[in-house]
């Protein structure tokens, strides 16, 4: 695992498949690319509104697609997270 300015890169398991994950230790937002969603065939939900979130790059992300309760395994511990 590598950490630079709060940005953490490491291997995690999503749906029992190993992936390189970038996470930020500050905000509680968890983002996933649409390409990764498609490759993992994750079930997505459409929010009844557009969600606008500021990112580290100071750009605004707007989406209405999310994946609730995604199983994530890190260092042998299972978590359920919501992905935007």
C-alpha atoms as a PDB file:
ATOM      1  CA  UNK A   1       0.000   0.000   0.000  1.00  0.00           C
ATOM      2  CA  UNK A   2       1.305   3.451  -0.941  1.00  0.00           C
ATOM      3  CA  UNK A   3       0.121   6.798   0.505  1.00  0.00           C
ATOM      4  CA  UNK A   4       0.795  10.272  -0.921  1.00  0.00           C
ATOM      5  CA  UNK A   5      -0.935  13.364   0.544  1.00  0.00           C
ATOM      6  CA  UNK A   6      -3.828  11.295   1.913  1.00  0.00           C
ATOM      7  CA  UNK A   7      -4.329   9.411  -1.380  1.00  0.00           C
ATOM      8  CA  UNK A   8      -3.940   5.678  -0.732  1.00  0.00           C
ATOM      9  CA  UNK A   9      -3.267   3.092  -3.441  1.00  0.00           C
ATOM     10  CA  UNK A  10      -3.561  -0.583  -2.650  1.00  0.00           C
ATOM     11  CA  UNK A  11      -5.074  -3.924  -3.610  1.00  0.00           C
ATOM     12  CA  UNK A  12      -8.635  -4.650  -2.467  1.00  0.00           C
ATOM     13  CA  UNK A  13     -11.200  -7.285  -3.344  1.00  0.00           C
ATOM     14  CA  UNK A  14     -14.537  -6.223  -4.848  1.00  0.00           C
ATOM     15  CA  UNK A  15     -16.945  -9.083  -5.525  1.00  0.00           C
ATOM     16  CA  UNK A  16     -14.080 -11.478  -4.822  1.00  0.00           C
ATOM     17  CA  UNK A  17     -11.985  -9.959  -7.638  1.00  0.00           C
ATOM     18  CA  UNK A  18      -8.694  -8.246  -6.851  1.00  0.00           C
ATOM     19  CA  UNK A  19      -8.518  -4.612  -7.953  1.00  0.00           C
ATOM     20  CA  UNK A  20      -6.132  -1.693  -7.500  1.00  0.00           C
ATOM     21  CA  UNK A  21      -8.086   0.868  -5.502  1.00  0.00           C
ATOM     22  CA  UNK A  22      -7.295   4.538  -5.015  1.00  0.00           C
ATOM     23  CA  UNK A  23      -8.877   6.006  -1.912  1.00  0.00           C
ATOM     24  CA  UNK A  24      -8.582   9.296  -0.101  1.00  0.00           C
ATOM     25  CA  UNK A  25      -8.465   9.366   3.666  1.00  0.00           C
ATOM     26  CA  UNK A  26     -10.388  12.658   3.891  1.00  0.00           C
ATOM     27  CA  UNK A  27     -13.937  12.697   2.471  1.00  0.00           C
ATOM     28  CA  UNK A  28     -16.381   9.829   2.746  1.00  0.00           C
ATOM     29  CA  UNK A  29     -17.059   9.631  -0.997  1.00  0.00           C
ATOM     30  CA  UNK A  30     -16.198   6.353  -2.713  1.00  0.00           C
ATOM     31  CA  UNK A  31     -15.985   6.579  -6.498  1.00  0.00           C
ATOM     32  CA  UNK A  32     -15.808   3.821  -9.085  1.00  0.00           C
ATOM     33  CA  UNK A  33     -15.357   4.122 -12.835  1.00  0.00           C
ATOM     34  CA  UNK A  34     -18.146   2.991 -15.139  1.00  0.00           C
ATOM     35  CA  UNK A  35     -15.644   0.699 -16.897  1.00  0.00           C
ATOM     36  CA  UNK A  36     -14.963  -1.058 -13.583  1.00  0.00           C
ATOM     37  CA  UNK A  37     -18.709  -1.298 -12.867  1.00  0.00           C
ATOM     38  CA  UNK A  38     -19.213  -2.962 -16.249  1.00  0.00           C
ATOM     39  CA  UNK A  39     -16.258  -5.366 -15.900  1.00  0.00           C
ATOM     40  CA  UNK A  40     -17.474  -6.494 -12.463  1.00  0.00           C
ATOM     41  CA  UNK A  41     -21.139  -6.528 -13.575  1.00  0.00           C
ATOM     42  CA  UNK A  42     -22.134  -4.580 -10.485  1.00  0.00           C
ATOM     43  CA  UNK A  43     -25.840  -3.928  -9.916  1.00  0.00           C
ATOM     44  CA  UNK A  44     -26.364  -0.175  -9.986  1.00  0.00           C
ATOM     45  CA  UNK A  45     -29.245   1.947  -8.738  1.00  0.00           C
ATOM     46  CA  UNK A  46     -30.467   5.233 -10.147  1.00  0.00           C
ATOM     47  CA  UNK A  47     -30.849   7.991  -7.585  1.00  0.00           C
ATOM     48  CA  UNK A  48     -34.007  10.114  -7.810  1.00  0.00           C
ATOM     49  CA  UNK A  49     -31.757  13.199  -8.133  1.00  0.00           C
ATOM     50  CA  UNK A  50     -28.418  14.296  -9.583  1.00  0.00           C
ATOM     51  CA  UNK A  51     -25.630  14.159  -6.999  1.00  0.00           C
ATOM     52  CA  UNK A  52     -22.946  16.833  -7.309  1.00  0.00           C
ATOM     53  CA  UNK A  53     -19.606  16.192  -5.560  1.00  0.00           C
ATOM     54  CA  UNK A  54     -16.375  18.203  -5.523  1.00  0.00           C
ATOM     55  CA  UNK A  55     -13.265  16.080  -6.213  1.00  0.00           C
ATOM     56  CA  UNK A  56      -9.595  16.403  -5.265  1.00  0.00           C
ATOM     57  CA  UNK A  57      -8.870  17.847  -8.696  1.00  0.00           C
ATOM     58  CA  UNK A  58     -11.295  20.697  -7.855  1.00  0.00           C
ATOM     59  CA  UNK A  59     -13.635  19.477 -10.587  1.00  0.00           C
ATOM     60  CA  UNK A  60     -17.270  18.745  -9.939  1.00  0.00           C
ATOM     61  CA  UNK A  61     -18.646  15.253 -10.539  1.00  0.00           C
ATOM     62  CA  UNK A  62     -22.363  14.928 -11.283  1.00  0.00           C
ATOM     63  CA  UNK A  63     -24.040  11.518 -11.334  1.00  0.00           C
ATOM     64  CA  UNK A  64     -27.270   9.769 -10.488  1.00  0.00           C
ATOM     65  CA  UNK A  65     -25.856   6.229 -10.543  1.00  0.00           C
ATOM     66  CA  UNK A  66     -24.691   4.399  -7.418  1.00  0.00           C
ATOM     67  CA  UNK A  67     -23.973   0.906  -6.121  1.00  0.00           C
ATOM     68  CA  UNK A  68     -25.211   0.442  -2.559  1.00  0.00           C
ATOM     69  CA  UNK A  69     -23.641  -2.019  -0.094  1.00  0.00           C
ATOM     70  CA  UNK A  70     -20.696  -3.095  -2.240  1.00  0.00           C
ATOM     71  CA  UNK A  71     -18.729  -5.877  -0.498  1.00  0.00           C
ATOM     72  CA  UNK A  72     -15.112  -4.748  -0.113  1.00  0.00           C
ATOM     73  CA  UNK A  73     -12.400  -6.836   1.581  1.00  0.00           C
ATOM     74  CA  UNK A  74      -9.290  -5.146   2.942  1.00  0.00           C
ATOM     75  CA  UNK A  75      -6.680  -6.999   5.008  1.00  0.00           C
ATOM     76  CA  UNK A  76      -9.113  -9.851   5.590  1.00  0.00           C
ATOM     77  CA  UNK A  77     -11.891  -7.618   6.926  1.00  0.00           C
ATOM     78  CA  UNK A  78     -15.169  -7.282   4.996  1.00  0.00           C
ATOM     79  CA  UNK A  79     -16.884  -3.926   4.639  1.00  0.00           C
ATOM     80  CA  UNK A  80     -20.038  -2.754   2.868  1.00  0.00           C
ATOM     81  CA  UNK A  81     -19.555   0.575   1.127  1.00  0.00           C
ATOM     82  CA  UNK A  82     -21.666   2.715  -1.190  1.00  0.00           C
ATOM     83  CA  UNK A  83     -19.966   3.585  -4.472  1.00  0.00           C
ATOM     84  CA  UNK A  84     -20.714   6.621  -6.607  1.00  0.00           C
END
